[in-house]
C-alpha atoms as a PDB file:
ATOM      1  CA  VAL A   1      18.396 -10.071  -6.414  1.00  0.00           C
ATOM      2  CA  SER A   2      20.508 -12.955  -6.242  1.00  0.00           C
ATOM      3  CA  LEU A   3      20.574 -15.928  -3.536  1.00  0.00           C
ATOM      4  CA  GLY A   4      24.095 -17.567  -2.936  1.00  0.00           C
ATOM      5  CA  HIS A   5      26.124 -17.144  -6.132  1.00  0.00           C
ATOM      6  CA  SER A   6      27.663 -14.125  -7.299  1.00  0.00           C
ATOM      7  CA  GLY A   7      24.920 -12.642  -9.901  1.00  0.00           C
ATOM      8  CA  THR A   8      28.326 -11.948 -12.061  1.00  0.00           C
ATOM      9  CA  ASP A   9      27.351 -14.136 -15.563  1.00  0.00           C
ATOM     10  CA  ASN A  10      28.089 -12.609 -18.489  1.00  0.00           C
ATOM     11  CA  TYR A  11      24.580 -11.683 -19.750  1.00  0.00           C
ATOM     12  CA  ILE A  12      24.158 -10.075 -16.405  1.00  0.00           C
ATOM     13  CA  ASN A  13      27.252  -7.965 -16.231  1.00  0.00           C
ATOM     14  CA  GLU A  14      27.240  -6.444 -19.844  1.00  0.00           C
ATOM     15  CA  PHE A  15      23.043  -5.573 -18.891  1.00  0.00           C
ATOM     16  CA  ARG A  16      24.786  -4.162 -15.553  1.00  0.00           C
ATOM     17  CA  SER A  17      27.642  -2.686 -17.170  1.00  0.00           C
ATOM     18  CA  GLU A  18      25.328  -0.422 -20.032  1.00  0.00           C
ATOM     19  CA  ALA A  19      23.353   0.390 -17.075  1.00  0.00           C
ATOM     20  CA  LEU A  20      26.870   1.994 -14.928  1.00  0.00           C
ATOM     21  CA  THR A  21      27.298   3.990 -18.307  1.00  0.00           C
ATOM     22  CA  MET A  22      24.590   5.433 -18.101  1.00  0.00           C
ATOM     23  CA  PHE A  23      25.538   6.707 -14.741  1.00  0.00           C
ATOM     24  CA  GLY A  24      28.874   7.317 -15.502  1.00  0.00           C
ATOM     25  CA  GLY A  25      30.380   4.717 -14.276  1.00  0.00           C
ATOM     26  CA  LYS A  26      28.935   5.266 -10.079  1.00  0.00           C
ATOM     27  CA  THR A  27      25.471   5.508  -8.547  1.00  0.00           C
ATOM     28  CA  SER A  28      24.240   6.000  -5.145  1.00  0.00           C
ATOM     29  CA  THR A  29      22.182   3.425  -5.248  1.00  0.00           C
ATOM     30  CA  PRO A  30      22.567  -0.114  -5.956  1.00  0.00           C
ATOM     31  CA  LEU A  31      21.618  -1.826  -9.782  1.00  0.00           C
ATOM     32  CA  GLY A  32      21.474  -5.762  -8.001  1.00  0.00           C
ATOM     33  CA  TYR A  33      22.280  -7.277  -4.638  1.00  0.00           C
ATOM     34  CA  CYS A  34      22.847 -10.606  -3.682  1.00  0.00           C
ATOM     35  CA  VAL A  35      22.687 -12.512  -1.157  1.00  0.00           C
ATOM     36  CA  ALA A  36      25.761 -14.587  -0.140  1.00  0.00           C
ATOM     37  CA  PRO A  37      28.961 -15.127   3.015  1.00  0.00           C
ATOM     38  CA  VAL A  38      31.987 -13.018   1.427  1.00  0.00           C
ATOM     39  CA  SER A  39      34.709 -10.355   3.315  1.00  0.00           C
ATOM     40  CA  ASP A  40      33.670  -7.069   3.642  1.00  0.00           C
ATOM     41  CA  GLY A  41      36.698  -6.183   0.979  1.00  0.00           C
ATOM     42  CA  GLU A  42      34.835  -8.387  -1.946  1.00  0.00           C
ATOM     43  CA  ALA A  43      31.582  -6.318  -0.759  1.00  0.00           C
ATOM     44  CA  SER A  44      33.101  -3.075  -1.009  1.00  0.00           C
ATOM     45  CA  PHE A  45      34.518  -3.956  -4.314  1.00  0.00           C
ATOM     46  CA  SER A  46      31.585  -5.040  -5.915  1.00  0.00           C
ATOM     47  CA  ARG A  47      29.904  -2.154  -4.122  1.00  0.00           C
ATOM     48  CA  ASP A  48      32.348   0.623  -6.114  1.00  0.00           C
ATOM     49  CA  HIS A  49      33.116  -1.162  -9.354  1.00  0.00           C
ATOM     50  CA  ASP A  50      29.856  -3.304 -10.429  1.00  0.00           C
ATOM     51  CA  GLY A  51      27.528  -2.003  -8.799  1.00  0.00           C
ATOM     52  CA  ILE A  52      26.349  -5.226  -6.615  1.00  0.00           C
ATOM     53  CA  ALA A  53      25.406  -4.713  -3.135  1.00  0.00           C
ATOM     54  CA  PHE A  54      26.391  -7.820  -0.718  1.00  0.00           C
ATOM     55  CA  LEU A  55      23.767  -8.609   2.194  1.00  0.00           C
ATOM     56  CA  SER A  56      26.548 -10.514   3.645  1.00  0.00           C
ATOM     57  CA  TRP A  57      27.479 -12.420   7.210  1.00  0.00           C
ATOM     58  CA  ASP A  58      30.105 -13.856   8.740  1.00  0.00           C
ATOM     59  CA  VAL A  59      29.091 -17.595   7.952  1.00  0.00           C
ATOM     60  CA  ASN A  60      31.559 -18.820  10.637  1.00  0.00           C
ATOM     61  CA  ASN A  61      30.452 -17.324  13.276  1.00  0.00           C
ATOM     62  CA  ASP A  62      26.535 -17.515  12.881  1.00  0.00           C
ATOM     63  CA  GLY A  63      26.358 -19.912  10.670  1.00  0.00           C
ATOM     64  CA  TRP A  64      23.553 -20.747   6.961  1.00  0.00           C
ATOM     65  CA  GLY A  65      20.878 -19.914   9.798  1.00  0.00           C
ATOM     66  CA  ILE A  66      21.231 -16.169   8.787  1.00  0.00           C
ATOM     67  CA  PHE A  67      20.619 -16.808   4.603  1.00  0.00           C
ATOM     68  CA  ASP A  68      16.823 -18.025   6.048  1.00  0.00           C
ATOM     69  CA  GLN A  69      16.501 -14.709   8.204  1.00  0.00           C
ATOM     70  CA  ILE A  70      17.414 -12.276   5.956  1.00  0.00           C
ATOM     71  CA  LEU A  71      14.778 -14.013   3.087  1.00  0.00           C
ATOM     72  CA  GLU A  72      12.738 -13.686   5.509  1.00  0.00           C
ATOM     73  CA  ARG A  73      13.396  -9.697   6.415  1.00  0.00           C
ATOM     74  CA  LEU A  74      13.143  -9.567   2.128  1.00  0.00           C
ATOM     75  CA  GLN A  75       9.784 -11.055   2.329  1.00  0.00           C
ATOM     76  CA  LYS A  76       8.572  -8.627   4.446  1.00  0.00           C
ATOM     77  CA  THR A  77      10.248  -5.840   2.800  1.00  0.00           C
ATOM     78  CA  THR A  78       9.219  -6.483  -0.549  1.00  0.00           C
ATOM     79  CA  SER A  79       5.929  -7.981  -0.807  1.00  0.00           C
ATOM     80  CA  PRO A  80       3.337  -5.730  -0.555  1.00  0.00           C
ATOM     81  CA  ARG A  81       0.866  -8.248   1.105  1.00  0.00           C
ATOM     82  CA  ALA A  82       2.647  -9.091   3.763  1.00  0.00           C
ATOM     83  CA  ARG A  83       3.195  -4.867   3.768  1.00  0.00           C
ATOM     84  CA  MET A  84      -0.635  -4.728   3.609  1.00  0.00           C
ATOM     85  CA  HIS A  85      -0.594  -6.899   6.509  1.00  0.00           C
ATOM     86  CA  THR A  86       0.926  -4.937   9.085  1.00  0.00           C
ATOM     87  CA  MET A  87      -0.640  -1.877   7.294  1.00  0.00           C
ATOM     88  CA  LEU A  88      -3.844  -2.763   8.130  1.00  0.00           C
ATOM     89  CA  GLN A  89      -4.061  -4.271  11.229  1.00  0.00           C
ATOM     90  CA  GLY A  90      -6.426  -2.541  13.663  1.00  0.00           C
ATOM     91  CA  ARG A  91      -7.415   0.143  10.529  1.00  0.00           C
ATOM     92  CA  ARG A  92     -11.206   0.927  10.556  1.00  0.00           C
ATOM     93  CA  ILE A  93     -12.117   1.586   7.330  1.00  0.00           C
ATOM     94  CA  LEU A  94     -16.158   2.522   6.238  1.00  0.00           C
ATOM     95  CA  LEU A  95     -17.728   1.377   2.987  1.00  0.00           C
ATOM     96  CA  VAL A  96     -20.650   3.193   1.709  1.00  0.00           C
ATOM     97  CA  ASP A  97     -22.674   1.344  -0.967  1.00  0.00           C
ATOM     98  CA  SER A  98     -25.064   2.986  -3.149  1.00  0.00           C
ATOM     99  CA  PRO A  99     -28.954   1.662  -3.371  1.00  0.00           C
ATOM    100  CA  HIS A 100     -28.947   3.067  -6.896  1.00  0.00           C
ATOM    101  CA  SER A 101     -25.335   1.574  -8.488  1.00  0.00           C
ATOM    102  CA  ARG A 102     -22.763  -0.904  -8.489  1.00  0.00           C
ATOM    103  CA  PRO A 103     -19.404  -0.399  -8.202  1.00  0.00           C
ATOM    104  CA  LYS A 104     -18.121  -0.491 -12.423  1.00  0.00           C
ATOM    105  CA  GLY A 105     -16.898  -3.349 -13.327  1.00  0.00           C
ATOM    106  CA  GLY A 106     -19.887  -5.642 -11.403  1.00  0.00           C
ATOM    107  CA  TRP A 107     -18.186  -6.215  -8.527  1.00  0.00           C
ATOM    108  CA  GLN A 108     -19.130  -5.386  -4.468  1.00  0.00           C
ATOM    109  CA  LEU A 109     -17.871  -3.737  -1.594  1.00  0.00           C
ATOM    110  CA  ILE A 110     -18.591  -6.628   0.457  1.00  0.00           C
ATOM    111  CA  ASP A 111     -15.544  -8.636  -1.860  1.00  0.00           C
ATOM    112  CA  LEU A 112     -13.444  -5.875  -1.307  1.00  0.00           C
ATOM    113  CA  ALA A 113     -14.399  -6.469   2.640  1.00  0.00           C
ATOM    114  CA  ARG A 114     -13.178 -10.359   2.047  1.00  0.00           C
ATOM    115  CA  LYS A 115     -10.086  -9.648   0.157  1.00  0.00           C
ATOM    116  CA  LEU A 116      -9.100  -6.857   2.486  1.00  0.00           C
ATOM    117  CA  LEU A 117      -9.604  -9.309   6.022  1.00  0.00           C
ATOM    118  CA  GLN A 118      -8.363 -12.185   4.050  1.00  0.00           C
ATOM    119  CA  ILE A 119      -5.133 -10.255   4.556  1.00  0.00           C
ATOM    120  CA  GLN A 120      -5.729  -9.101   7.962  1.00  0.00           C
ATOM    121  CA  PRO A 121      -8.307  -9.988   9.856  1.00  0.00           C
ATOM    122  CA  SER A 122      -7.450  -8.084  12.924  1.00  0.00           C
ATOM    123  CA  ALA A 123      -9.700  -4.871  10.788  1.00  0.00           C
ATOM    124  CA  ILE A 124     -12.045  -3.644  11.106  1.00  0.00           C
ATOM    125  CA  ILE A 125     -14.801  -3.347   8.009  1.00  0.00           C
ATOM    126  CA  HIS A 126     -18.194  -1.757   8.764  1.00  0.00           C
ATOM    127  CA  LEU A 127     -20.398  -1.729   5.025  1.00  0.00           C
ATOM    128  CA  LEU A 128     -23.285   0.689   5.161  1.00  0.00           C
ATOM    129  CA  GLU A 129     -26.076   0.077   2.427  1.00  0.00           C
ATOM    130  CA  SER A 130     -26.561   3.756   1.339  1.00  0.00           C
ATOM    131  CA  SER A 131     -25.274   7.280   3.155  1.00  0.00           C
ATOM    132  CA  ASP A 132     -28.392   7.511   4.518  1.00  0.00           C
ATOM    133  CA  LYS A 133     -26.865   7.636   7.996  1.00  0.00           C
ATOM    134  CA  LEU A 134     -23.018   8.260   6.785  1.00  0.00           C
ATOM    135  CA  LYS A 135     -22.315  11.063   9.354  1.00  0.00           C
ATOM    136  CA  ALA A 136     -24.203   9.762  12.353  1.00  0.00           C
ATOM    137  CA  THR A 137     -21.783   6.234  12.022  1.00  0.00           C
ATOM    138  CA  VAL A 138     -19.105   8.901  11.971  1.00  0.00           C
ATOM    139  CA  VAL A 139     -19.486  10.476  14.864  1.00  0.00           C
ATOM    140  CA  GLN A 140     -21.047   7.565  16.445  1.00  0.00           C
ATOM    141  CA  ALA A 141     -17.844   6.262  15.860  1.00  0.00           C
ATOM    142  CA  ALA A 142     -15.415   8.405  17.140  1.00  0.00           C
ATOM    143  CA  SER A 143     -17.210   9.024  20.197  1.00  0.00           C
ATOM    144  CA  ASP A 144     -17.923   5.641  21.232  1.00  0.00           C
ATOM    145  CA  VAL A 145     -14.874   3.826  19.976  1.00  0.00           C
ATOM    146  CA  ALA A 146     -12.133   5.230  17.932  1.00  0.00           C
ATOM    147  CA  PRO A 147     -12.551   7.256  14.713  1.00  0.00           C
ATOM    148  CA  TYR A 148     -12.545   5.693  10.974  1.00  0.00           C
ATOM    149  CA  ASP A 149      -9.419   5.543   9.038  1.00  0.00           C
ATOM    150  CA  VAL A 150     -11.133   6.180   5.846  1.00  0.00           C
ATOM    151  CA  ILE A 151     -14.129   6.379   3.746  1.00  0.00           C
ATOM    152  CA  LEU A 152     -14.850   4.304   0.839  1.00  0.00           C
ATOM    153  CA  GLN A 153     -18.374   5.566  -1.157  1.00  0.00           C
ATOM    154  CA  VAL A 154     -19.506   3.575  -4.450  1.00  0.00           C
ATOM    155  CA  PHE A 155     -20.113   6.949  -6.434  1.00  0.00           C
ATOM    156  CA  ASP A 156     -24.059   7.580  -6.326  1.00  0.00           C
ATOM    157  CA  GLU A 157     -25.497  10.640  -8.374  1.00  0.00           C
ATOM    158  CA  ASN A 158     -27.998  11.186  -5.978  1.00  0.00           C
ATOM    159  CA  SER A 159     -26.191  11.686  -2.721  1.00  0.00           C
ATOM    160  CA  THR A 160     -21.787  11.568  -3.149  1.00  0.00           C
ATOM    161  CA  HIS A 161     -21.628  15.118  -3.780  1.00  0.00           C
ATOM    162  CA  LEU A 162     -23.903  15.708  -0.865  1.00  0.00           C
ATOM    163  CA  GLU A 163     -22.015  13.896   1.383  1.00  0.00           C
ATOM    164  CA  LEU A 164     -18.605  15.253   0.174  1.00  0.00           C
ATOM    165  CA  GLU A 165     -19.447  18.789   0.749  1.00  0.00           C
ATOM    166  CA  ALA A 166     -20.941  18.061   4.737  1.00  0.00           C
ATOM    167  CA  HIS A 167     -17.751  16.472   4.650  1.00  0.00           C
ATOM    168  CA  ARG A 168     -15.731  18.481   3.942  1.00  0.00           C
ATOM    169  CA  LYS A 169     -17.419  21.636   5.644  1.00  0.00           C
ATOM    170  CA  SER A 170     -17.565  19.252   8.997  1.00  0.00           C
ATOM    171  CA  ALA A 171     -15.495  20.161  11.160  1.00  0.00           C
ATOM    172  CA  LEU A 172     -13.592  16.877  12.614  1.00  0.00           C
ATOM    173  CA  ASP A 173     -10.537  17.102  15.359  1.00  0.00           C
ATOM    174  CA  TYR A 174      -9.164  14.575  13.263  1.00  0.00           C
ATOM    175  CA  ASP A 175      -7.644  13.666   9.108  1.00  0.00           C
ATOM    176  CA  LEU A 176     -10.818  11.676   7.717  1.00  0.00           C
ATOM    177  CA  PRO A 177     -10.054  10.567   4.050  1.00  0.00           C
ATOM    178  CA  PHE A 178     -13.046  10.330   1.738  1.00  0.00           C
ATOM    179  CA  ALA A 179     -12.673   8.380  -1.472  1.00  0.00           C
ATOM    180  CA  VAL A 180     -15.058   8.082  -3.858  1.00  0.00           C
ATOM    181  CA  ILE A 181     -15.837   4.282  -6.008  1.00  0.00           C
ATOM    182  CA  GLU A 182     -16.613   5.090  -9.927  1.00  0.00           C
ATOM    183  CA  SER A 183     -20.055   3.042 -10.396  1.00  0.00           C
ATOM    184  CA  ASP A 184     -22.389   1.682 -13.152  1.00  0.00           C
ATOM    185  CA  SER A 185     -23.871   5.137 -12.636  1.00  0.00           C
ATOM    186  CA  GLN A 186     -25.090   6.671 -16.020  1.00  0.00           C
ATOM    187  CA  GLU A 187     -23.914  10.118 -14.012  1.00  0.00           C
ATOM    188  CA  ASN A 188     -20.409   8.418 -13.328  1.00  0.00           C
ATOM    189  CA  GLN A 189     -18.413  10.134 -15.337  1.00  0.00           C
ATOM    190  CA  ARG A 190     -19.751  13.944 -15.117  1.00  0.00           C
ATOM    191  CA  GLY A 191     -20.524  13.392 -11.577  1.00  0.00           C
ATOM    192  CA  ILE A 192     -17.332  12.451 -10.482  1.00  0.00           C
ATOM    193  CA  THR A 193     -15.197  15.528 -12.763  1.00  0.00           C
ATOM    194  CA  ALA A 194     -17.786  17.409 -11.041  1.00  0.00           C
ATOM    195  CA  LEU A 195     -16.817  16.512  -6.957  1.00  0.00           C
ATOM    196  CA  ARG A 196     -15.102  18.676  -4.059  1.00  0.00           C
ATOM    197  CA  GLY A 197     -13.232  17.626  -1.303  1.00  0.00           C
ATOM    198  CA  CYS A 198     -12.380  14.323  -2.897  1.00  0.00           C
ATOM    199  CA  ASP A 199      -9.126  12.049  -1.281  1.00  0.00           C
ATOM    200  CA  ARG A 200      -9.479   9.768  -4.723  1.00  0.00           C
ATOM    201  CA  VAL A 201     -11.484   8.078  -7.199  1.00  0.00           C
ATOM    202  CA  VAL A 202     -10.995   4.761  -7.366  1.00  0.00           C
ATOM    203  CA  CYS A 203     -12.794   2.092  -9.421  1.00  0.00           C
ATOM    204  CA  SER A 204     -11.052  -1.846  -9.414  1.00  0.00           C
ATOM    205  CA  ILE A 205     -10.569  -3.588  -6.626  1.00  0.00           C
ATOM    206  CA  ALA A 206      -7.173  -3.756  -7.345  1.00  0.00           C
ATOM    207  CA  ASP A 207      -7.323  -0.158  -7.850  1.00  0.00           C
ATOM    208  CA  THR A 208      -9.243   0.504  -4.415  1.00  0.00           C
ATOM    209  CA  ALA A 209      -6.069  -1.771  -2.560  1.00  0.00           C
ATOM    210  CA  GLU A 210      -3.548   0.445  -3.879  1.00  0.00           C
ATOM    211  CA  TYR A 211      -5.667   3.575  -2.615  1.00  0.00           C
ATOM    212  CA  LEU A 212      -5.216   1.892   1.267  1.00  0.00           C
ATOM    213  CA  PHE A 213      -1.838   1.043   0.822  1.00  0.00           C
ATOM    214  CA  GLN A 214      -0.274   4.421  -0.081  1.00  0.00           C
ATOM    215  CA  LEU A 215      -2.509   5.628   2.385  1.00  0.00           C
ATOM    216  CA  PHE A 216      -1.963   4.041   5.613  1.00  0.00           C
ATOM    217  CA  GLU A 217       1.601   3.517   4.672  1.00  0.00           C
ATOM    218  CA  GLN A 218       2.190   7.906   4.207  1.00  0.00           C
ATOM    219  CA  ASN A 219       0.316   7.553   7.690  1.00  0.00           C
ATOM    220  CA  MET A 220       2.958   5.055   9.312  1.00  0.00           C
ATOM    221  CA  LEU A 221       5.679   7.425   8.218  1.00  0.00           C
ATOM    222  CA  LEU A 222       4.243  10.355   9.332  1.00  0.00           C
ATOM    223  CA  HIS A 223       4.103   8.675  13.045  1.00  0.00           C
ATOM    224  CA  GLY A 224       8.249   7.083  12.167  1.00  0.00           C
ATOM    225  CA  PHE A 225       6.968   3.620  12.127  1.00  0.00           C
ATOM    226  CA  ASP A 226       8.209   1.552   9.169  1.00  0.00           C
ATOM    227  CA  SER A 227       5.550  -1.169   7.977  1.00  0.00           C
ATOM    228  CA  SER A 228       8.878  -3.138   6.513  1.00  0.00           C
ATOM    229  CA  GLU A 229      10.007  -3.163   9.899  1.00  0.00           C
ATOM    230  CA  ASN A 230       7.622  -5.705  11.133  1.00  0.00           C
END
């Protein structure tokens, strides 16, 4: 993205020419964007021949304040943190720990909870120390307040496969994804390979955050809401 100039420096032109050649001289997707006030004719020519799409406006009528609005919109659209802020709003996440093992890499579920709450303080994150009351917690939440949006359980060699099997056979009238976090259990690798009904296996905090991002983004798109619009 070029800001305030044409983005047509020689080395950029050479790179873009090579890219255009790969697409047979034309591409339906822009190879670059430029934020600058230009005429409709210049924007159209640049789009057709250079592969550059202008994010433009009428500076005589709208002034330069539009530039800041465009930058803000770009930030909301392209920043994973900004989009995650929107997607986590009002979400209910249930984290289930293990009394026998910790997440692989030595981090803890409370570390994940802190990270998510830093991004979106209104997210509702509950932490169970073990899976002993998992089923009762899920049922009670759906009955008293609202269903959870996702369950994330640290792999436990004694309980995870049982909880997944019970979850798979449960007669919930709503979709409740169940993901498993790899642990330092000696049975982690073999146990996870044998799991059935697991929505995703994640490892690090970053991996878990990426899974939640993809899960909630897909959910919002299914319901006709684009996180970049908020």
